[in-house]
């Protein structure tokens, strides 16, 4: 368990592979072929959420610097 949440093998594998996929060491097709669609989907979806968070943080920083109310 991580932080009190039960995780299955797919979630653990996705967590381990996430950084490697984000920096380009692994692609989603390779993950899908070797570990299955569920792991590949988790890696893809978490990567998308991280990218959205980075984009939102950048927008907030720009607004703060420009003293724009959001």
N, C-alpha and C. Protein backbone atom coordinates (compact mmCIF):
# COMPACT_ATOMS: atom_id res chain seq x y z
N UNK A 1 0.84 -1.19 0.00
CA UNK A 1 0.00 0.00 0.00
C UNK A 1 0.87 1.25 0.00
N UNK A 2 0.45 2.23 -0.77
CA UNK A 2 1.13 3.51 -0.80
C UNK A 2 0.18 4.55 -0.23
N UNK A 3 0.59 5.20 0.83
CA UNK A 3 -0.23 6.22 1.48
C UNK A 3 -1.62 5.70 1.83
N UNK A 4 -1.70 4.43 2.17
CA UNK A 4 -2.97 3.85 2.57
C UNK A 4 -3.86 3.42 1.43
N UNK A 5 -3.41 3.56 0.19
CA UNK A 5 -4.22 3.17 -0.96
C UNK A 5 -3.73 1.83 -1.50
N UNK A 6 -4.63 0.88 -1.70
CA UNK A 6 -4.19 -0.39 -2.27
C UNK A 6 -3.86 -0.22 -3.75
N UNK A 7 -2.72 -0.74 -4.17
CA UNK A 7 -2.30 -0.66 -5.56
C UNK A 7 -2.12 -2.06 -6.12
N UNK A 8 -2.57 -2.26 -7.34
CA UNK A 8 -2.35 -3.55 -7.97
C UNK A 8 -1.03 -3.53 -8.76
N UNK A 9 -0.68 -4.66 -9.32
CA UNK A 9 0.60 -4.78 -10.04
C UNK A 9 0.68 -3.82 -11.22
N UNK A 10 -0.43 -3.60 -11.92
CA UNK A 10 -0.42 -2.67 -13.06
C UNK A 10 -0.09 -1.25 -12.62
N UNK A 11 -0.69 -0.81 -11.53
CA UNK A 11 -0.44 0.54 -11.03
C UNK A 11 1.00 0.71 -10.58
N UNK A 12 1.54 -0.30 -9.94
CA UNK A 12 2.93 -0.24 -9.49
C UNK A 12 3.87 -0.21 -10.69
N UNK A 13 3.62 -1.06 -11.69
CA UNK A 13 4.45 -1.07 -12.89
C UNK A 13 4.38 0.27 -13.61
N UNK A 14 3.20 0.84 -13.72
CA UNK A 14 3.04 2.13 -14.38
C UNK A 14 3.82 3.21 -13.64
N UNK A 15 3.76 3.18 -12.32
CA UNK A 15 4.50 4.17 -11.54
C UNK A 15 6.00 4.07 -11.74
N UNK A 16 6.49 2.85 -11.86
CA UNK A 16 7.93 2.65 -12.08
C UNK A 16 8.34 3.12 -13.47
N UNK A 17 7.51 2.88 -14.47
CA UNK A 17 7.85 3.19 -15.86
C UNK A 17 7.53 4.62 -16.28
N UNK A 18 6.79 5.33 -15.48
CA UNK A 18 6.30 6.65 -15.87
C UNK A 18 7.41 7.61 -16.27
N UNK A 19 8.42 7.74 -15.45
CA UNK A 19 9.50 8.68 -15.75
C UNK A 19 10.25 8.28 -17.01
N UNK A 20 10.50 6.98 -17.19
CA UNK A 20 11.20 6.50 -18.38
C UNK A 20 10.40 6.82 -19.64
N UNK A 21 9.10 6.71 -19.57
CA UNK A 21 8.25 7.04 -20.71
C UNK A 21 8.23 8.55 -20.96
N UNK A 22 8.17 9.33 -19.89
CA UNK A 22 8.12 10.79 -20.04
C UNK A 22 9.38 11.36 -20.68
N UNK A 23 10.53 10.79 -20.38
CA UNK A 23 11.77 11.32 -20.95
C UNK A 23 12.13 10.65 -22.27
N UNK A 24 11.34 9.67 -22.70
CA UNK A 24 11.53 9.08 -24.01
C UNK A 24 12.36 7.81 -24.06
N UNK A 25 12.71 7.24 -22.92
CA UNK A 25 13.46 5.98 -22.93
C UNK A 25 12.58 4.81 -23.34
N UNK A 26 11.31 4.89 -23.06
CA UNK A 26 10.34 3.85 -23.44
C UNK A 26 9.18 4.51 -24.16
N UNK A 27 8.64 3.82 -25.15
CA UNK A 27 7.43 4.33 -25.78
C UNK A 27 6.24 3.47 -25.35
N UNK A 28 5.06 3.98 -25.59
CA UNK A 28 3.86 3.31 -25.11
C UNK A 28 3.63 1.98 -25.82
N UNK A 29 4.04 1.88 -27.09
CA UNK A 29 3.89 0.61 -27.80
C UNK A 29 4.73 -0.49 -27.14
N UNK A 30 5.96 -0.14 -26.74
CA UNK A 30 6.82 -1.11 -26.07
C UNK A 30 6.22 -1.54 -24.73
N UNK A 31 5.70 -0.59 -23.99
CA UNK A 31 5.06 -0.91 -22.70
C UNK A 31 3.86 -1.81 -22.95
N UNK A 32 3.06 -1.47 -23.97
CA UNK A 32 1.87 -2.26 -24.29
C UNK A 32 2.24 -3.69 -24.67
N UNK A 33 3.26 -3.85 -25.51
CA UNK A 33 3.67 -5.19 -25.94
C UNK A 33 4.19 -6.03 -24.79
N UNK A 34 4.94 -5.42 -23.89
CA UNK A 34 5.60 -6.18 -22.83
C UNK A 34 4.78 -6.32 -21.55
N UNK A 35 3.96 -5.33 -21.24
CA UNK A 35 3.24 -5.36 -19.96
C UNK A 35 1.72 -5.26 -20.10
N UNK A 36 1.25 -5.01 -21.31
CA UNK A 36 -0.19 -4.99 -21.52
C UNK A 36 -0.79 -3.60 -21.64
N UNK A 37 -2.01 -3.60 -22.12
CA UNK A 37 -2.71 -2.35 -22.37
C UNK A 37 -3.05 -1.55 -21.13
N UNK A 38 -3.34 -2.23 -20.04
CA UNK A 38 -3.70 -1.51 -18.81
C UNK A 38 -2.53 -0.67 -18.30
N UNK A 39 -1.33 -1.25 -18.30
CA UNK A 39 -0.15 -0.51 -17.84
C UNK A 39 0.14 0.65 -18.78
N UNK A 40 0.09 0.38 -20.08
CA UNK A 40 0.35 1.45 -21.07
C UNK A 40 -0.66 2.58 -20.93
N UNK A 41 -1.92 2.24 -20.71
CA UNK A 41 -2.96 3.26 -20.54
C UNK A 41 -2.71 4.09 -19.28
N UNK A 42 -2.35 3.44 -18.19
CA UNK A 42 -2.06 4.18 -16.95
C UNK A 42 -0.89 5.14 -17.14
N UNK A 43 0.17 4.67 -17.79
CA UNK A 43 1.33 5.53 -18.04
C UNK A 43 0.92 6.72 -18.90
N UNK A 44 0.18 6.47 -19.97
CA UNK A 44 -0.27 7.54 -20.86
C UNK A 44 -1.14 8.56 -20.14
N UNK A 45 -2.08 8.07 -19.36
CA UNK A 45 -3.02 8.97 -18.69
C UNK A 45 -2.35 9.79 -17.59
N UNK A 46 -1.49 9.18 -16.81
CA UNK A 46 -0.79 9.93 -15.76
C UNK A 46 0.15 10.95 -16.38
N UNK A 47 0.81 10.59 -17.49
CA UNK A 47 1.67 11.55 -18.19
C UNK A 47 0.87 12.76 -18.67
N UNK A 48 -0.34 12.50 -19.16
CA UNK A 48 -1.20 13.59 -19.63
C UNK A 48 -1.60 14.51 -18.48
N UNK A 49 -1.92 13.93 -17.33
CA UNK A 49 -2.28 14.75 -16.16
C UNK A 49 -1.09 15.58 -15.71
N UNK A 50 0.10 14.97 -15.66
CA UNK A 50 1.31 15.73 -15.29
C UNK A 50 1.53 16.89 -16.25
N UNK A 51 1.38 16.64 -17.55
CA UNK A 51 1.58 17.70 -18.54
C UNK A 51 0.57 18.83 -18.33
N UNK A 52 -0.66 18.48 -18.03
CA UNK A 52 -1.69 19.49 -17.77
C UNK A 52 -1.33 20.30 -16.53
N UNK A 53 -0.86 19.64 -15.48
CA UNK A 53 -0.46 20.35 -14.26
C UNK A 53 0.68 21.32 -14.53
N UNK A 54 1.66 20.91 -15.32
CA UNK A 54 2.79 21.78 -15.66
C UNK A 54 2.29 22.99 -16.44
N UNK A 55 1.38 22.77 -17.38
CA UNK A 55 0.82 23.87 -18.17
C UNK A 55 0.03 24.83 -17.29
N UNK A 56 -0.78 24.30 -16.39
CA UNK A 56 -1.56 25.15 -15.50
C UNK A 56 -0.65 25.95 -14.57
N UNK A 57 0.41 25.34 -14.04
CA UNK A 57 1.35 26.03 -13.18
C UNK A 57 2.03 27.17 -13.94
N UNK A 58 2.40 26.94 -15.19
CA UNK A 58 3.03 27.98 -16.00
C UNK A 58 2.08 29.15 -16.21
N UNK A 59 0.81 28.87 -16.45
CA UNK A 59 -0.18 29.93 -16.65
C UNK A 59 -0.35 30.76 -15.37
N UNK A 60 -0.39 30.09 -14.23
CA UNK A 60 -0.52 30.80 -12.96
C UNK A 60 0.69 31.69 -12.72
N UNK A 61 1.89 31.19 -13.02
CA UNK A 61 3.10 31.99 -12.84
C UNK A 61 3.07 33.24 -13.70
N UNK A 62 2.62 33.10 -14.94
CA UNK A 62 2.54 34.25 -15.83
C UNK A 62 1.54 35.26 -15.29
N UNK A 63 0.40 34.78 -14.81
CA UNK A 63 -0.63 35.68 -14.27
C UNK A 63 -0.11 36.40 -13.02
N UNK A 64 0.60 35.70 -12.17
CA UNK A 64 1.13 36.31 -10.96
C UNK A 64 2.14 37.38 -11.31
N UNK A 65 3.02 37.07 -12.24
CA UNK A 65 4.02 38.05 -12.66
C UNK A 65 3.39 39.29 -13.29
N UNK A 66 2.30 39.07 -14.02
CA UNK A 66 1.61 40.19 -14.66
C UNK A 66 0.59 40.83 -13.73
N UNK A 67 0.48 40.29 -12.51
CA UNK A 67 -0.48 40.77 -11.51
C UNK A 67 -1.92 40.73 -12.01
N UNK A 68 -2.23 39.64 -12.69
CA UNK A 68 -3.58 39.43 -13.21
C UNK A 68 -4.35 38.59 -12.20
N UNK A 69 -5.58 38.98 -11.90
CA UNK A 69 -6.40 38.18 -10.99
C UNK A 69 -6.98 37.01 -11.76
N UNK A 70 -6.89 35.84 -11.14
CA UNK A 70 -7.48 34.66 -11.79
C UNK A 70 -8.52 34.05 -10.89
